[in-house]
Amino acid sequence: MAAPAHAALYKWVDANGRTVYSDQPPPASVKSEVLNGPPPPANPNAAKELAQKEAEFRKRQSDKADAASKSAKDKALQDRRSAACVEVKRQLTELGDSSMALYRLNEKGERELLNDEGRARERAKLQAYGAQNCGGT
């Protein structure tokens, strides 16, 4: 039967001058020294476990940074989309006001007055964009 790891180890010199080591205490008349037992065996997988924990920690940090970056990009996209929807509404209001003269640039870069047919085309384009991107503007 194996002795527990925390059992005391005794050292003494017997009557013949020999040094004795034992887990049993010596006779009371003999001066002895109590030795500490050997340290428990080191975990052979400690380095691997530590490296694994470090890798998991770095992965969590990387995932957290990726999530924050994605969240920031999503918010920026949503902000741009909201601004575009506000602009679509503004332009639809302008197109609906027939008393306001509206101009567009032609392919030569010249200003042209937007007639009723042109207003209808522009309104249709903006309404389609609003329906697709702004929840039915």
Protein backbone atom coordinates (compact mmCIF):
# COMPACT_ATOMS: atom_id res chain seq x y z
CA MET A 1 0.00 0.00 0.00
CA ALA A 2 1.44 3.38 -1.00
CA ALA A 3 1.96 6.01 1.67
CA PRO A 4 0.09 9.29 1.23
CA ALA A 5 2.07 12.03 -0.46
CA HIS A 6 1.84 14.25 2.60
CA ALA A 7 3.35 11.64 5.00
CA ALA A 8 6.35 12.77 7.04
CA LEU A 9 9.79 11.43 6.34
CA TYR A 10 12.20 11.00 9.26
CA LYS A 11 15.99 11.08 9.19
CA TRP A 12 18.26 9.97 12.02
CA VAL A 13 21.58 8.30 12.75
CA ASP A 14 21.30 4.86 14.38
CA ALA A 15 23.59 3.33 17.03
CA ASN A 16 25.95 2.00 14.33
CA GLY A 17 26.43 5.48 12.78
CA ARG A 18 24.33 4.81 9.71
CA THR A 19 21.91 7.45 8.43
CA VAL A 20 18.38 6.09 8.35
CA TYR A 21 15.43 7.48 6.36
CA SER A 22 12.00 6.17 7.22
CA ASP A 23 8.33 7.03 7.18
CA GLN A 24 8.12 5.56 10.69
CA PRO A 25 9.27 7.73 13.60
CA PRO A 26 12.50 6.62 15.35
CA PRO A 27 12.64 5.55 18.98
CA ALA A 28 12.06 8.45 21.37
CA SER A 29 15.65 8.35 22.62
CA VAL A 30 17.08 9.12 19.15
CA LYS A 31 17.36 12.65 17.88
CA SER A 32 15.63 12.84 14.47
CA GLU A 33 14.90 15.37 11.78
CA VAL A 34 11.56 15.58 9.95
CA LEU A 35 11.99 16.06 6.21
CA ASN A 36 9.37 17.51 3.96
CA GLY A 37 8.09 15.16 1.31
CA PRO A 38 8.78 15.73 -2.32
CA PRO A 39 6.62 18.30 -4.06
CA PRO A 40 3.67 16.92 -5.95
CA PRO A 41 4.48 16.04 -9.54
CA ALA A 42 4.09 18.92 -11.96
CA ASN A 43 1.19 18.83 -14.37
CA PRO A 44 2.77 17.57 -17.60
CA ASN A 45 0.06 19.31 -19.62
CA ALA A 46 0.36 22.66 -17.83
CA ALA A 47 2.21 24.37 -20.71
CA LYS A 48 -0.30 23.05 -23.25
CA GLU A 49 -3.24 24.12 -21.07
CA LEU A 50 -1.76 27.57 -20.57
CA ALA A 51 -1.16 27.97 -24.31
CA GLN A 52 -4.71 26.76 -25.00
CA LYS A 53 -6.17 29.27 -22.53
CA GLU A 54 -4.05 32.05 -24.06
CA ALA A 55 -5.23 31.11 -27.56
CA GLU A 56 -8.86 31.06 -26.40
CA PHE A 57 -8.41 34.47 -24.75
CA ARG A 58 -6.87 35.95 -27.92
CA LYS A 59 -9.71 34.46 -30.01
CA ARG A 60 -12.33 36.01 -27.70
CA GLN A 61 -10.55 39.38 -27.91
CA SER A 62 -10.35 39.12 -31.70
CA ASP A 63 -14.02 38.13 -31.95
CA LYS A 64 -14.98 41.03 -29.69
CA ALA A 65 -12.97 43.48 -31.84
CA ASP A 66 -14.51 42.05 -35.03
CA ALA A 67 -18.02 42.39 -33.57
CA ALA A 68 -17.34 46.00 -32.55
CA SER A 69 -15.99 46.80 -36.02
CA LYS A 70 -18.99 45.17 -37.70
CA SER A 71 -21.34 47.06 -35.39
CA ALA A 72 -19.65 50.37 -36.23
CA LYS A 73 -19.84 49.62 -39.97
CA ASP A 74 -23.51 48.66 -39.66
CA LYS A 75 -24.27 51.87 -37.77
CA ALA A 76 -22.44 53.98 -40.37
CA LEU A 77 -24.37 52.23 -43.17
CA GLN A 78 -27.65 52.81 -41.34
CA ASP A 79 -26.77 56.49 -40.83
CA ARG A 80 -25.98 56.90 -44.55
CA ARG A 81 -29.20 55.12 -45.48
CA SER A 82 -31.23 57.35 -43.13
CA ALA A 83 -29.63 60.48 -44.61
CA ALA A 84 -30.40 59.23 -48.14
CA CYS A 85 -34.03 58.61 -47.18
CA VAL A 86 -34.35 62.13 -45.79
CA GLU A 87 -32.95 63.46 -49.06
CA VAL A 88 -35.41 61.33 -51.08
CA LYS A 89 -38.32 62.77 -49.10
CA ARG A 90 -37.02 66.30 -49.63
CA GLN A 91 -36.66 65.77 -53.38
CA LEU A 92 -40.13 64.22 -53.63
CA THR A 93 -41.54 67.30 -51.88
CA GLU A 94 -39.73 69.57 -54.36
CA LEU A 95 -40.95 67.54 -57.33
CA GLY A 96 -44.51 67.77 -56.02
CA ASP A 97 -44.39 71.57 -55.89
CA SER A 98 -45.17 72.56 -59.48
CA SER A 99 -44.66 76.26 -58.71
CA MET A 100 -40.93 75.63 -58.16
CA ALA A 101 -38.74 75.58 -61.26
CA LEU A 102 -36.39 72.60 -61.22
CA TYR A 103 -33.39 72.11 -63.44
CA ARG A 104 -31.32 69.04 -64.23
CA LEU A 105 -28.04 68.76 -66.10
CA ASN A 106 -28.16 67.01 -69.47
CA GLU A 107 -25.44 64.76 -70.89
CA LYS A 108 -23.55 67.87 -72.13
CA GLY A 109 -23.57 69.38 -68.65
CA GLU A 110 -26.08 72.07 -69.61
CA ARG A 111 -28.99 73.04 -67.38
CA GLU A 112 -32.43 72.05 -68.63
CA LEU A 113 -35.78 72.96 -67.13
CA LEU A 114 -37.54 69.86 -65.79
CA ASN A 115 -41.02 69.62 -67.38
CA ASP A 116 -44.02 67.67 -66.04
CA GLU A 117 -42.93 64.47 -67.80
CA GLY A 118 -39.40 64.78 -66.38
CA ARG A 119 -40.82 65.44 -62.90
CA ALA A 120 -42.96 62.29 -63.19
CA ARG A 121 -39.91 60.23 -64.23
CA GLU A 122 -37.82 61.61 -61.35
CA ARG A 123 -40.69 61.06 -58.89
CA ALA A 124 -41.06 57.44 -60.06
CA LYS A 125 -37.31 56.82 -59.62
CA LEU A 126 -37.31 58.34 -56.13
CA GLN A 127 -40.43 56.45 -55.08
CA ALA A 128 -38.89 53.17 -56.26
CA TYR A 129 -35.70 53.92 -54.33
CA GLY A 130 -37.73 54.86 -51.26
CA ALA A 131 -39.82 51.69 -51.49
CA GLN A 132 -36.71 49.55 -51.71
CA ASN A 133 -34.49 51.34 -49.18
CA CYS A 134 -36.63 53.52 -46.95
CA GLY A 135 -39.61 51.39 -46.07
CA GLY A 136 -41.98 52.71 -48.72
CA THR A 137 -41.17 56.43 -48.87
